[in-house]
PDB file of N, CA and C in Angstrom:
ATOM      1  N   MET A   1      21.491 -29.628  -8.100  1.00  0.00           N
ATOM      2  CA  MET A   1      20.294 -28.948  -8.544  1.00  0.00           C
ATOM      3  C   MET A   1      20.302 -28.930 -10.085  1.00  0.00           C
ATOM      4  N   SER A   2      19.144 -29.141 -10.664  1.00  0.00           N
ATOM      5  CA  SER A   2      19.070 -29.154 -12.129  1.00  0.00           C
ATOM      6  C   SER A   2      19.156 -27.739 -12.683  1.00  0.00           C
ATOM      7  N   ALA A   3      19.435 -27.649 -13.979  1.00  0.00           N
ATOM      8  CA  ALA A   3      19.534 -26.341 -14.636  1.00  0.00           C
ATOM      9  C   ALA A   3      18.202 -25.604 -14.570  1.00  0.00           C
ATOM     10  N   LEU A   4      17.099 -26.327 -14.734  1.00  0.00           N
ATOM     11  CA  LEU A   4      15.776 -25.712 -14.672  1.00  0.00           C
ATOM     12  C   LEU A   4      15.514 -25.153 -13.274  1.00  0.00           C
ATOM     13  N   ALA A   5      15.895 -25.880 -12.249  1.00  0.00           N
ATOM     14  CA  ALA A   5      15.722 -25.403 -10.871  1.00  0.00           C
ATOM     15  C   ALA A   5      16.566 -24.157 -10.628  1.00  0.00           C
ATOM     16  N   ASP A   6      17.796 -24.142 -11.171  1.00  0.00           N
ATOM     17  CA  ASP A   6      18.659 -22.959 -11.035  1.00  0.00           C
ATOM     18  C   ASP A   6      18.007 -21.734 -11.653  1.00  0.00           C
ATOM     19  N   VAL A   7      17.460 -21.899 -12.856  1.00  0.00           N
ATOM     20  CA  VAL A   7      16.812 -20.783 -13.553  1.00  0.00           C
ATOM     21  C   VAL A   7      15.589 -20.329 -12.774  1.00  0.00           C
ATOM     22  N   TYR A   8      14.766 -21.280 -12.315  1.00  0.00           N
ATOM     23  CA  TYR A   8      13.547 -20.923 -11.584  1.00  0.00           C
ATOM     24  C   TYR A   8      13.895 -20.185 -10.288  1.00  0.00           C
ATOM     25  N   GLN A   9      14.861 -20.708  -9.520  1.00  0.00           N
ATOM     26  CA  GLN A   9      15.227 -20.078  -8.261  1.00  0.00           C
ATOM     27  C   GLN A   9      15.808 -18.686  -8.505  1.00  0.00           C
ATOM     28  N   SER A  10      16.668 -18.549  -9.487  1.00  0.00           N
ATOM     29  CA  SER A  10      17.261 -17.259  -9.804  1.00  0.00           C
ATOM     30  C   SER A  10      16.178 -16.268 -10.212  1.00  0.00           C
ATOM     31  N   SER A  11      15.260 -16.708 -11.049  1.00  0.00           N
ATOM     32  CA  SER A  11      14.168 -15.860 -11.514  1.00  0.00           C
ATOM     33  C   SER A  11      13.275 -15.473 -10.336  1.00  0.00           C
ATOM     34  N   SER A  12      12.979 -16.409  -9.467  1.00  0.00           N
ATOM     35  CA  SER A  12      12.122 -16.156  -8.315  1.00  0.00           C
ATOM     36  C   SER A  12      12.773 -15.148  -7.370  1.00  0.00           C
ATOM     37  N   LEU A  13      14.068 -15.329  -7.086  1.00  0.00           N
ATOM     38  CA  LEU A  13      14.772 -14.397  -6.204  1.00  0.00           C
ATOM     39  C   LEU A  13      14.829 -13.005  -6.814  1.00  0.00           C
ATOM     40  N   SER A  14      15.018 -12.948  -8.112  1.00  0.00           N
ATOM     41  CA  SER A  14      15.036 -11.674  -8.811  1.00  0.00           C
ATOM     42  C   SER A  14      13.676 -10.983  -8.713  1.00  0.00           C
ATOM     43  N   ASN A  15      12.614 -11.755  -8.889  1.00  0.00           N
ATOM     44  CA  ASN A  15      11.262 -11.196  -8.774  1.00  0.00           C
ATOM     45  C   ASN A  15      10.969 -10.734  -7.360  1.00  0.00           C
ATOM     46  N   VAL A  16      11.390 -11.484  -6.367  1.00  0.00           N
ATOM     47  CA  VAL A  16      11.183 -11.094  -4.972  1.00  0.00           C
ATOM     48  C   VAL A  16      11.897  -9.777  -4.690  1.00  0.00           C
ATOM     49  N   PHE A  17      13.140  -9.666  -5.155  1.00  0.00           N
ATOM     50  CA  PHE A  17      13.900  -8.434  -4.942  1.00  0.00           C
ATOM     51  C   PHE A  17      13.213  -7.254  -5.617  1.00  0.00           C
ATOM     52  N   ARG A  18      12.815  -7.429  -6.871  1.00  0.00           N
ATOM     53  CA  ARG A  18      12.168  -6.362  -7.629  1.00  0.00           C
ATOM     54  C   ARG A  18      10.853  -5.946  -6.973  1.00  0.00           C
ATOM     55  N   LEU A  19      10.036  -6.925  -6.589  1.00  0.00           N
ATOM     56  CA  LEU A  19       8.744  -6.614  -5.983  1.00  0.00           C
ATOM     57  C   LEU A  19       8.895  -6.005  -4.589  1.00  0.00           C
ATOM     58  N   THR A  20       9.893  -6.462  -3.839  1.00  0.00           N
ATOM     59  CA  THR A  20      10.137  -5.884  -2.517  1.00  0.00           C
ATOM     60  C   THR A  20      10.549  -4.425  -2.652  1.00  0.00           C
ATOM     61  N   THR A  21      11.425  -4.150  -3.607  1.00  0.00           N
ATOM     62  CA  THR A  21      11.846  -2.769  -3.865  1.00  0.00           C
ATOM     63  C   THR A  21      10.645  -1.932  -4.289  1.00  0.00           C
ATOM     64  N   GLU A  22       9.830  -2.473  -5.173  1.00  0.00           N
ATOM     65  CA  GLU A  22       8.631  -1.768  -5.635  1.00  0.00           C
ATOM     66  C   GLU A  22       7.684  -1.508  -4.464  1.00  0.00           C
ATOM     67  N   PHE A  23       7.415  -2.541  -3.661  1.00  0.00           N
ATOM     68  CA  PHE A  23       6.513  -2.418  -2.520  1.00  0.00           C
ATOM     69  C   PHE A  23       6.978  -1.310  -1.571  1.00  0.00           C
ATOM     70  N   ASN A  24       8.273  -1.288  -1.296  1.00  0.00           N
ATOM     71  CA  ASN A  24       8.810  -0.318  -0.345  1.00  0.00           C
ATOM     72  C   ASN A  24       8.932   1.099  -0.898  1.00  0.00           C
ATOM     73  N   SER A  25       8.821   1.245  -2.208  1.00  0.00           N
ATOM     74  CA  SER A  25       9.005   2.577  -2.790  1.00  0.00           C
ATOM     75  C   SER A  25       7.715   3.223  -3.288  1.00  0.00           C
ATOM     76  N   ILE A  26       6.591   2.553  -3.151  1.00  0.00           N
ATOM     77  CA  ILE A  26       5.320   3.120  -3.617  1.00  0.00           C
ATOM     78  C   ILE A  26       4.955   4.304  -2.743  1.00  0.00           C
ATOM     79  N   LYS A  27       4.689   5.415  -3.381  1.00  0.00           N
ATOM     80  CA  LYS A  27       4.337   6.653  -2.679  1.00  0.00           C
ATOM     81  C   LYS A  27       3.036   7.193  -3.248  1.00  0.00           C
ATOM     82  N   HIS A  28       2.300   7.895  -2.419  1.00  0.00           N
ATOM     83  CA  HIS A  28       1.112   8.626  -2.872  1.00  0.00           C
ATOM     84  C   HIS A  28       1.617   9.948  -3.438  1.00  0.00           C
ATOM     85  N   ILE A  29       1.457  10.134  -4.720  1.00  0.00           N
ATOM     86  CA  ILE A  29       1.987  11.297  -5.425  1.00  0.00           C
ATOM     87  C   ILE A  29       0.921  12.390  -5.483  1.00  0.00           C
ATOM     88  N   PRO A  30       1.300  13.652  -5.241  1.00  0.00           N
ATOM     89  CA  PRO A  30       0.317  14.738  -5.347  1.00  0.00           C
ATOM     90  C   PRO A  30      -0.390  14.712  -6.703  1.00  0.00           C
ATOM     91  N   GLY A  31      -1.705  14.874  -6.663  1.00  0.00           N
ATOM     92  CA  GLY A  31      -2.515  14.855  -7.874  1.00  0.00           C
ATOM     93  C   GLY A  31      -2.957  13.466  -8.292  1.00  0.00           C
ATOM     94  N   GLN A  32      -2.400  12.442  -7.671  1.00  0.00           N
ATOM     95  CA  GLN A  32      -2.751  11.060  -7.975  1.00  0.00           C
ATOM     96  C   GLN A  32      -3.875  10.615  -7.043  1.00  0.00           C
ATOM     97  N   PRO A  33      -4.895   9.957  -7.561  1.00  0.00           N
ATOM     98  CA  PRO A  33      -5.915   9.414  -6.661  1.00  0.00           C
ATOM     99  C   PRO A  33      -5.275   8.436  -5.666  1.00  0.00           C
ATOM    100  N   ALA A  34      -5.699   8.501  -4.422  1.00  0.00           N
ATOM    101  CA  ALA A  34      -5.159   7.604  -3.396  1.00  0.00           C
ATOM    102  C   ALA A  34      -5.356   6.146  -3.779  1.00  0.00           C
ATOM    103  N   LEU A  35      -6.439   5.858  -4.488  1.00  0.00           N
ATOM    104  CA  LEU A  35      -6.732   4.479  -4.876  1.00  0.00           C
ATOM    105  C   LEU A  35      -5.608   3.882  -5.721  1.00  0.00           C
ATOM    106  N   GLU A  36      -4.941   4.699  -6.528  1.00  0.00           N
ATOM    107  CA  GLU A  36      -3.839   4.184  -7.354  1.00  0.00           C
ATOM    108  C   GLU A  36      -2.693   3.665  -6.494  1.00  0.00           C
ATOM    109  N   SER A  37      -2.297   4.429  -5.486  1.00  0.00           N
ATOM    110  CA  SER A  37      -1.197   3.966  -4.636  1.00  0.00           C
ATOM    111  C   SER A  37      -1.654   2.805  -3.748  1.00  0.00           C
ATOM    112  N   ILE A  38      -2.892   2.841  -3.295  1.00  0.00           N
ATOM    113  CA  ILE A  38      -3.425   1.733  -2.484  1.00  0.00           C
ATOM    114  C   ILE A  38      -3.391   0.447  -3.299  1.00  0.00           C
ATOM    115  N   ASN A  39      -3.909   0.497  -4.511  1.00  0.00           N
ATOM    116  CA  ASN A  39      -3.933  -0.699  -5.361  1.00  0.00           C
ATOM    117  C   ASN A  39      -2.528  -1.187  -5.701  1.00  0.00           C
ATOM    118  N   ALA A  40      -1.597  -0.264  -5.896  1.00  0.00           N
ATOM    119  CA  ALA A  40      -0.215  -0.658  -6.206  1.00  0.00           C
ATOM    120  C   ALA A  40       0.422  -1.393  -5.026  1.00  0.00           C
ATOM    121  N   VAL A  41       0.198  -0.894  -3.813  1.00  0.00           N
ATOM    122  CA  VAL A  41       0.733  -1.546  -2.612  1.00  0.00           C
ATOM    123  C   VAL A  41       0.132  -2.948  -2.459  1.00  0.00           C
ATOM    124  N   ILE A  42      -1.176  -3.040  -2.592  1.00  0.00           N
ATOM    125  CA  ILE A  42      -1.852  -4.335  -2.427  1.00  0.00           C
ATOM    126  C   ILE A  42      -1.421  -5.318  -3.513  1.00  0.00           C
ATOM    127  N   ALA A  43      -1.267  -4.845  -4.745  1.00  0.00           N
ATOM    128  CA  ALA A  43      -0.835  -5.726  -5.843  1.00  0.00           C
ATOM    129  C   ALA A  43       0.580  -6.246  -5.604  1.00  0.00           C
ATOM    130  N   ALA A  44       1.479  -5.365  -5.197  1.00  0.00           N
ATOM    131  CA  ALA A  44       2.859  -5.790  -4.934  1.00  0.00           C
ATOM    132  C   ALA A  44       2.900  -6.790  -3.779  1.00  0.00           C
ATOM    133  N   ALA A  45       2.128  -6.537  -2.725  1.00  0.00           N
ATOM    134  CA  ALA A  45       2.077  -7.460  -1.584  1.00  0.00           C
ATOM    135  C   ALA A  45       1.500  -8.813  -1.992  1.00  0.00           C
ATOM    136  N   THR A  46       0.466  -8.801  -2.822  1.00  0.00           N
ATOM    137  CA  THR A  46      -0.141 -10.051  -3.303  1.00  0.00           C
ATOM    138  C   THR A  46       0.857 -10.850  -4.121  1.00  0.00           C
ATOM    139  N   ASP A  47       1.590 -10.174  -4.994  1.00  0.00           N
ATOM    140  CA  ASP A  47       2.609 -10.860  -5.795  1.00  0.00           C
ATOM    141  C   ASP A  47       3.709 -11.438  -4.916  1.00  0.00           C
ATOM    142  N   LEU A  48       4.130 -10.682  -3.912  1.00  0.00           N
ATOM    143  CA  LEU A  48       5.163 -11.188  -3.000  1.00  0.00           C
ATOM    144  C   LEU A  48       4.660 -12.407  -2.226  1.00  0.00           C
ATOM    145  N   ARG A  49       3.429 -12.348  -1.779  1.00  0.00           N
ATOM    146  CA  ARG A  49       2.856 -13.509  -1.081  1.00  0.00           C
ATOM    147  C   ARG A  49       2.804 -14.719  -2.004  1.00  0.00           C
ATOM    148  N   PHE A  50       2.444 -14.499  -3.261  1.00  0.00           N
ATOM    149  CA  PHE A  50       2.391 -15.585  -4.248  1.00  0.00           C
ATOM    150  C   PHE A  50       3.759 -16.240  -4.406  1.00  0.00           C
ATOM    151  N   LEU A  51       4.819 -15.434  -4.288  1.00  0.00           N
ATOM    152  CA  LEU A  51       6.186 -15.961  -4.397  1.00  0.00           C
ATOM    153  C   LEU A  51       6.697 -16.539  -3.073  1.00  0.00           C
ATOM    154  N   GLY A  52       5.827 -16.587  -2.063  1.00  0.00           N
ATOM    155  CA  GLY A  52       6.181 -17.216  -0.795  1.00  0.00           C
ATOM    156  C   GLY A  52       6.715 -16.277   0.270  1.00  0.00           C
ATOM    157  N   GLU A  53       6.713 -14.977  -0.003  1.00  0.00           N
ATOM    158  CA  GLU A  53       7.198 -14.016   0.993  1.00  0.00           C
ATOM    159  C   GLU A  53       6.128 -13.793   2.057  1.00  0.00           C
ATOM    160  N   ASN A  54       6.577 -13.604   3.280  1.00  0.00           N
ATOM    161  CA  ASN A  54       5.677 -13.440   4.418  1.00  0.00           C
ATOM    162  C   ASN A  54       5.399 -11.949   4.632  1.00  0.00           C
ATOM    163  N   ILE A  55       4.426 -11.425   3.920  1.00  0.00           N
ATOM    164  CA  ILE A  55       4.043 -10.022   4.032  1.00  0.00           C
ATOM    165  C   ILE A  55       2.779  -9.959   4.879  1.00  0.00           C
ATOM    166  N   HIS A  56       2.944  -9.549   6.130  1.00  0.00           N
ATOM    167  CA  HIS A  56       1.804  -9.461   7.043  1.00  0.00           C
ATOM    168  C   HIS A  56       0.919  -8.272   6.693  1.00  0.00           C
ATOM    169  N   ASP A  57      -0.359  -8.394   7.047  1.00  0.00           N
ATOM    170  CA  ASP A  57      -1.295  -7.286   6.830  1.00  0.00           C
ATOM    171  C   ASP A  57      -0.800  -6.007   7.488  1.00  0.00           C
ATOM    172  N   GLN A  58      -0.172  -6.124   8.655  1.00  0.00           N
ATOM    173  CA  GLN A  58       0.302  -4.930   9.357  1.00  0.00           C
ATOM    174  C   GLN A  58       1.334  -4.177   8.525  1.00  0.00           C
ATOM    175  N   LYS A  59       2.202  -4.901   7.848  1.00  0.00           N
ATOM    176  CA  LYS A  59       3.211  -4.252   7.003  1.00  0.00           C
ATOM    177  C   LYS A  59       2.536  -3.528   5.838  1.00  0.00           C
ATOM    178  N   ILE A  60       1.498  -4.113   5.281  1.00  0.00           N
ATOM    179  CA  ILE A  60       0.746  -3.474   4.199  1.00  0.00           C
ATOM    180  C   ILE A  60       0.081  -2.203   4.720  1.00  0.00           C
ATOM    181  N   LYS A  61      -0.524  -2.285   5.897  1.00  0.00           N
ATOM    182  CA  LYS A  61      -1.187  -1.108   6.476  1.00  0.00           C
ATOM    183  C   LYS A  61      -0.181   0.000   6.752  1.00  0.00           C
ATOM    184  N   TRP A  62       1.001  -0.339   7.270  1.00  0.00           N
ATOM    185  CA  TRP A  62       2.039   0.673   7.516  1.00  0.00           C
ATOM    186  C   TRP A  62       2.464   1.324   6.211  1.00  0.00           C
ATOM    187  N   GLN A  63       2.606   0.519   5.164  1.00  0.00           N
ATOM    188  CA  GLN A  63       3.007   1.055   3.865  1.00  0.00           C
ATOM    189  C   GLN A  63       1.935   2.009   3.335  1.00  0.00           C
ATOM    190  N   LEU A  64       0.680   1.636   3.486  1.00  0.00           N
ATOM    191  CA  LEU A  64      -0.409   2.496   3.015  1.00  0.00           C
ATOM    192  C   LEU A  64      -0.440   3.819   3.775  1.00  0.00           C
ATOM    193  N   LEU A  65      -0.355   3.750   5.091  1.00  0.00           N
ATOM    194  CA  LEU A  65      -0.442   4.967   5.911  1.00  0.00           C
ATOM    195  C   LEU A  65       0.829   5.806   5.859  1.00  0.00           C
ATOM    196  N   GLY A  66       1.966   5.151   5.846  1.00  0.00           N
ATOM    197  CA  GLY A  66       3.237   5.858   5.927  1.00  0.00           C
ATOM    198  C   GLY A  66       3.604   6.658   4.692  1.00  0.00           C
ATOM    199  N   ASN A  67       2.935   6.411   3.599  1.00  0.00           N
ATOM    200  CA  ASN A  67       3.301   7.084   2.362  1.00  0.00           C
ATOM    201  C   ASN A  67       2.209   7.985   1.815  1.00  0.00           C
ATOM    202  N   LEU A  68       1.223   8.277   2.643  1.00  0.00           N
ATOM    203  CA  LEU A  68       0.191   9.232   2.227  1.00  0.00           C
ATOM    204  C   LEU A  68       0.761  10.648   2.238  1.00  0.00           C
ATOM    205  N   LEU A  69       0.103  11.528   1.531  1.00  0.00           N
ATOM    206  CA  LEU A  69       0.509  12.937   1.490  1.00  0.00           C
ATOM    207  C   LEU A  69       0.367  13.572   2.871  1.00  0.00           C
ATOM    208  N   PRO A  70       1.107  14.642   3.145  1.00  0.00           N
ATOM    209  CA  PRO A  70       1.028  15.313   4.459  1.00  0.00           C
ATOM    210  C   PRO A  70      -0.388  15.758   4.841  1.00  0.00           C
ATOM    211  N   GLU A  71      -1.233  16.012   3.860  1.00  0.00           N
ATOM    212  CA  GLU A  71      -2.608  16.426   4.139  1.00  0.00           C
ATOM    213  C   GLU A  71      -3.410  15.354   4.882  1.00  0.00           C
ATOM    214  N   TYR A  72      -2.927  14.145   4.871  1.00  0.00           N
ATOM    215  CA  TYR A  72      -3.597  13.025   5.530  1.00  0.00           C
ATOM    216  C   TYR A  72      -3.063  12.774   6.945  1.00  0.00           C
ATOM    217  N   ALA A  73      -2.222  13.649   7.456  1.00  0.00           N
ATOM    218  CA  ALA A  73      -1.550  13.415   8.746  1.00  0.00           C
ATOM    219  C   ALA A  73      -2.533  13.149   9.883  1.00  0.00           C
ATOM    220  N   GLY A  74      -3.615  13.892   9.938  1.00  0.00           N
ATOM    221  CA  GLY A  74      -4.613  13.684  10.996  1.00  0.00           C
ATOM    222  C   GLY A  74      -5.228  12.299  10.913  1.00  0.00           C
ATOM    223  N   LEU A  75      -5.538  11.860   9.704  1.00  0.00           N
ATOM    224  CA  LEU A  75      -6.097  10.524   9.510  1.00  0.00           C
ATOM    225  C   LEU A  75      -5.089   9.454   9.911  1.00  0.00           C
ATOM    226  N   VAL A  76      -3.835   9.644   9.517  1.00  0.00           N
ATOM    227  CA  VAL A  76      -2.790   8.668   9.851  1.00  0.00           C
ATOM    228  C   VAL A  76      -2.683   8.511  11.368  1.00  0.00           C
ATOM    229  N   THR A  77      -2.683   9.630  12.078  1.00  0.00           N
ATOM    230  CA  THR A  77      -2.610   9.578  13.546  1.00  0.00           C
ATOM    231  C   THR A  77      -3.820   8.854  14.122  1.00  0.00           C
ATOM    232  N   ALA A  78      -5.003   9.212  13.647  1.00  0.00           N
ATOM    233  CA  ALA A  78      -6.230   8.591  14.170  1.00  0.00           C
ATOM    234  C   ALA A  78      -6.244   7.086  13.905  1.00  0.00           C
ATOM    235  N   LEU A  79      -5.914   6.685  12.693  1.00  0.00           N
ATOM    236  CA  LEU A  79      -5.965   5.263  12.361  1.00  0.00           C
ATOM    237  C   LEU A  79      -4.868   4.471  13.051  1.00  0.00           C
ATOM    238  N   THR A  80      -3.724   5.075  13.244  1.00  0.00           N
ATOM    239  CA  THR A  80      -2.642   4.410  13.961  1.00  0.00           C
ATOM    240  C   THR A  80      -3.070   4.120  15.401  1.00  0.00           C
ATOM    241  N   ASN A  81      -3.814   5.054  15.992  1.00  0.00           N
ATOM    242  CA  ASN A  81      -4.300   4.845  17.357  1.00  0.00           C
ATOM    243  C   ASN A  81      -5.452   3.852  17.420  1.00  0.00           C
ATOM    244  N   LEU A  82      -6.261   3.771  16.376  1.00  0.00           N
ATOM    245  CA  LEU A  82      -7.408   2.857  16.361  1.00  0.00           C
ATOM    246  C   LEU A  82      -7.012   1.417  16.030  1.00  0.00           C
ATOM    247  N   ASP A  83      -5.967   1.243  15.263  1.00  0.00           N
ATOM    248  CA  ASP A  83      -5.536  -0.079  14.812  1.00  0.00           C
ATOM    249  C   ASP A  83      -4.643  -0.716  15.873  1.00  0.00           C
ATOM    250  N   THR A  84      -5.248  -1.477  16.747  1.00  0.00           N
ATOM    251  CA  THR A  84      -4.505  -2.092  17.847  1.00  0.00           C
ATOM    252  C   THR A  84      -4.422  -3.605  17.652  1.00  0.00           C
ATOM    253  N   GLU A  85      -3.543  -4.237  18.405  1.00  0.00           N
ATOM    254  CA  GLU A  85      -3.438  -5.697  18.345  1.00  0.00           C
ATOM    255  C   GLU A  85      -4.734  -6.362  18.777  1.00  0.00           C
ATOM    256  N   GLU A  86      -5.405  -5.757  19.753  1.00  0.00           N
ATOM    257  CA  GLU A  86      -6.651  -6.324  20.254  1.00  0.00           C
ATOM    258  C   GLU A  86      -7.805  -6.130  19.271  1.00  0.00           C
ATOM    259  N   ASN A  87      -7.751  -5.059  18.498  1.00  0.00           N
ATOM    260  CA  ASN A  87      -8.821  -4.735  17.566  1.00  0.00           C
ATOM    261  C   ASN A  87      -8.224  -4.237  16.246  1.00  0.00           C
ATOM    262  N   PRO A  88      -7.578  -5.143  15.488  1.00  0.00           N
ATOM    263  CA  PRO A  88      -6.918  -4.698  14.255  1.00  0.00           C
ATOM    264  C   PRO A  88      -7.932  -4.322  13.173  1.00  0.00           C
ATOM    265  N   MET A  89      -7.580  -3.304  12.416  1.00  0.00           N
ATOM    266  CA  MET A  89      -8.393  -2.912  11.268  1.00  0.00           C
ATOM    267  C   MET A  89      -8.020  -3.802  10.091  1.00  0.00           C
ATOM    268  N   SER A  90      -8.995  -4.060   9.243  1.00  0.00           N
ATOM    269  CA  SER A  90      -8.688  -4.802   8.019  1.00  0.00           C
ATOM    270  C   SER A  90      -8.101  -3.830   6.996  1.00  0.00           C
ATOM    271  N   ILE A  91      -7.417  -4.377   6.019  1.00  0.00           N
ATOM    272  CA  ILE A  91      -6.873  -3.550   4.946  1.00  0.00           C
ATOM    273  C   ILE A  91      -8.019  -2.873   4.199  1.00  0.00           C
ATOM    274  N   GLU A  92      -9.109  -3.590   4.009  1.00  0.00           N
ATOM    275  CA  GLU A  92     -10.269  -3.019   3.311  1.00  0.00           C
ATOM    276  C   GLU A  92     -10.851  -1.835   4.082  1.00  0.00           C
ATOM    277  N   GLU A  93     -10.949  -1.968   5.412  1.00  0.00           N
ATOM    278  CA  GLU A  93     -11.454  -0.857   6.227  1.00  0.00           C
ATOM    279  C   GLU A  93     -10.518   0.350   6.139  1.00  0.00           C
ATOM    280  N   LEU A  94      -9.241   0.092   6.186  1.00  0.00           N
ATOM    281  CA  LEU A  94      -8.254   1.170   6.059  1.00  0.00           C
ATOM    282  C   LEU A  94      -8.398   1.859   4.703  1.00  0.00           C
ATOM    283  N   LYS A  95      -8.566   1.076   3.666  1.00  0.00           N
ATOM    284  CA  LYS A  95      -8.742   1.607   2.315  1.00  0.00           C
ATOM    285  C   LYS A  95      -9.966   2.521   2.259  1.00  0.00           C
ATOM    286  N   VAL A  96     -11.075   2.070   2.816  1.00  0.00           N
ATOM    287  CA  VAL A  96     -12.303   2.872   2.819  1.00  0.00           C
ATOM    288  C   VAL A  96     -12.093   4.181   3.570  1.00  0.00           C
ATOM    289  N   ARG A  97     -11.405   4.122   4.694  1.00  0.00           N
ATOM    290  CA  ARG A  97     -11.147   5.342   5.479  1.00  0.00           C
ATOM    291  C   ARG A  97     -10.273   6.330   4.711  1.00  0.00           C
ATOM    292  N   ILE A  98      -9.260   5.822   4.020  1.00  0.00           N
ATOM    293  CA  ILE A  98      -8.383   6.704   3.238  1.00  0.00           C
ATOM    294  C   ILE A  98      -9.170   7.362   2.109  1.00  0.00           C
ATOM    295  N   LEU A  99      -9.984   6.585   1.410  1.00  0.00           N
ATOM    296  CA  LEU A  99     -10.760   7.131   0.296  1.00  0.00           C
ATOM    297  C   LEU A  99     -11.813   8.125   0.768  1.00  0.00           C
ATOM    298  N   THR A 100     -12.402   7.872   1.939  1.00  0.00           N
ATOM    299  CA  THR A 100     -13.362   8.822   2.522  1.00  0.00           C
ATOM    300  C   THR A 100     -12.656  10.127   2.855  1.00  0.00           C
ATOM    301  N   GLU A 101     -11.469  10.028   3.437  1.00  0.00           N
ATOM    302  CA  GLU A 101     -10.689  11.222   3.768  1.00  0.00           C
ATOM    303  C   GLU A 101     -10.317  11.986   2.495  1.00  0.00           C
ATOM    304  N   GLU A 102      -9.961  11.259   1.451  1.00  0.00           N
ATOM    305  CA  GLU A 102      -9.623  11.914   0.192  1.00  0.00           C
ATOM    306  C   GLU A 102     -10.808  12.741  -0.313  1.00  0.00           C
ATOM    307  N   ARG A 103     -12.004  12.166  -0.282  1.00  0.00           N
ATOM    308  CA  ARG A 103     -13.197  12.899  -0.731  1.00  0.00           C
ATOM    309  C   ARG A 103     -13.421  14.147   0.113  1.00  0.00           C
ATOM    310  N   MET A 104     -13.207  14.036   1.422  1.00  0.00           N
ATOM    311  CA  MET A 104     -13.376  15.192   2.308  1.00  0.00           C
ATOM    312  C   MET A 104     -12.328  16.265   2.015  1.00  0.00           C
ATOM    313  N   LEU A 105     -11.087  15.877   1.772  1.00  0.00           N
ATOM    314  CA  LEU A 105     -10.030  16.833   1.458  1.00  0.00           C
ATOM    315  C   LEU A 105     -10.291  17.532   0.128  1.00  0.00           C
ATOM    316  N   ILE A 106     -10.799  16.799  -0.838  1.00  0.00           N
ATOM    317  CA  ILE A 106     -11.142  17.407  -2.128  1.00  0.00           C
ATOM    318  C   ILE A 106     -12.291  18.390  -1.938  1.00  0.00           C
ATOM    319  N   HIS A 107     -13.285  17.987  -1.165  1.00  0.00           N
ATOM    320  CA  HIS A 107     -14.442  18.862  -0.913  1.00  0.00           C
ATOM    321  C   HIS A 107     -14.012  20.158  -0.216  1.00  0.00           C
ATOM    322  N   ARG A 108     -13.071  20.026   0.714  1.00  0.00           N
ATOM    323  CA  ARG A 108     -12.562  21.221   1.411  1.00  0.00           C
ATOM    324  C   ARG A 108     -11.501  21.941   0.589  1.00  0.00           C
ATOM    325  N   LYS A 109     -11.223  21.417  -0.603  1.00  0.00           N
ATOM    326  CA  LYS A 109     -10.258  21.990  -1.541  1.00  0.00           C
ATOM    327  C   LYS A 109      -8.824  21.995  -1.003  1.00  0.00           C
ATOM    328  N   VAL A 110      -8.527  21.048  -0.136  1.00  0.00           N
ATOM    329  CA  VAL A 110      -7.163  20.872   0.352  1.00  0.00           C
ATOM    330  C   VAL A 110      -6.353  20.100  -0.689  1.00  0.00           C
ATOM    331  N   LEU A 111      -7.022  19.187  -1.394  1.00  0.00           N
ATOM    332  CA  LEU A 111      -6.398  18.423  -2.474  1.00  0.00           C
ATOM    333  C   LEU A 111      -7.013  18.846  -3.798  1.00  0.00           C
ATOM    334  N   PRO A 112      -6.198  18.863  -4.852  1.00  0.00           N
ATOM    335  CA  PRO A 112      -6.780  19.167  -6.162  1.00  0.00           C
ATOM    336  C   PRO A 112      -7.663  18.013  -6.633  1.00  0.00           C
ATOM    337  N   VAL A 113      -8.651  18.325  -7.418  1.00  0.00           N
ATOM    338  CA  VAL A 113      -9.507  17.293  -7.997  1.00  0.00           C
ATOM    339  C   VAL A 113      -8.703  16.610  -9.091  1.00  0.00           C
ATOM    340  N   HIS A 114      -8.623  15.283  -9.021  1.00  0.00           N
ATOM    341  CA  HIS A 114      -7.885  14.560 -10.052  1.00  0.00           C
ATOM    342  C   HIS A 114      -8.828  14.209 -11.179  1.00  0.00           C
ATOM    343  N   PRO A 115      -8.316  14.233 -12.396  1.00  0.00           N
ATOM    344  CA  PRO A 115      -9.182  13.937 -13.544  1.00  0.00           C
ATOM    345  C   PRO A 115      -9.658  12.498 -13.505  1.00  0.00           C
ATOM    346  N   THR A 116     -10.863  12.282 -13.952  1.00  0.00           N
ATOM    347  CA  THR A 116     -11.378  10.918 -14.022  1.00  0.00           C
ATOM    348  C   THR A 116     -10.939  10.282 -15.323  1.00  0.00           C
ATOM    349  N   SER A 117     -10.741   8.993 -15.264  1.00  0.00           N
ATOM    350  CA  SER A 117     -10.258   8.280 -16.464  1.00  0.00           C
ATOM    351  C   SER A 117     -11.402   7.856 -17.319  1.00  0.00           C
TER     352      SER A 117
END
């Protein structure tokens, strides 16, 4: 293997490890808009796919749902039951449902209103 190939492979493996760690550690933080964690998960998954990693949509959906705040527990249960192999939800549909729930939780004052940028 050439020196350039060694550097590229080493760099690629390092990036895969870093992005995999990042993907698996993204959490929805209290006071943070849900869209921030959603976008972070999708960005990390997109980067991993670009590097050739096999990140299925289902894994992305689990990451999105599994790391929401406890206030979203009812939504997580409902969406987990609705997202079946026969009728899978798209990531975009899941995103819309999470953001709709966030607006409802803010309206009911279960979640604090986050400042707009």
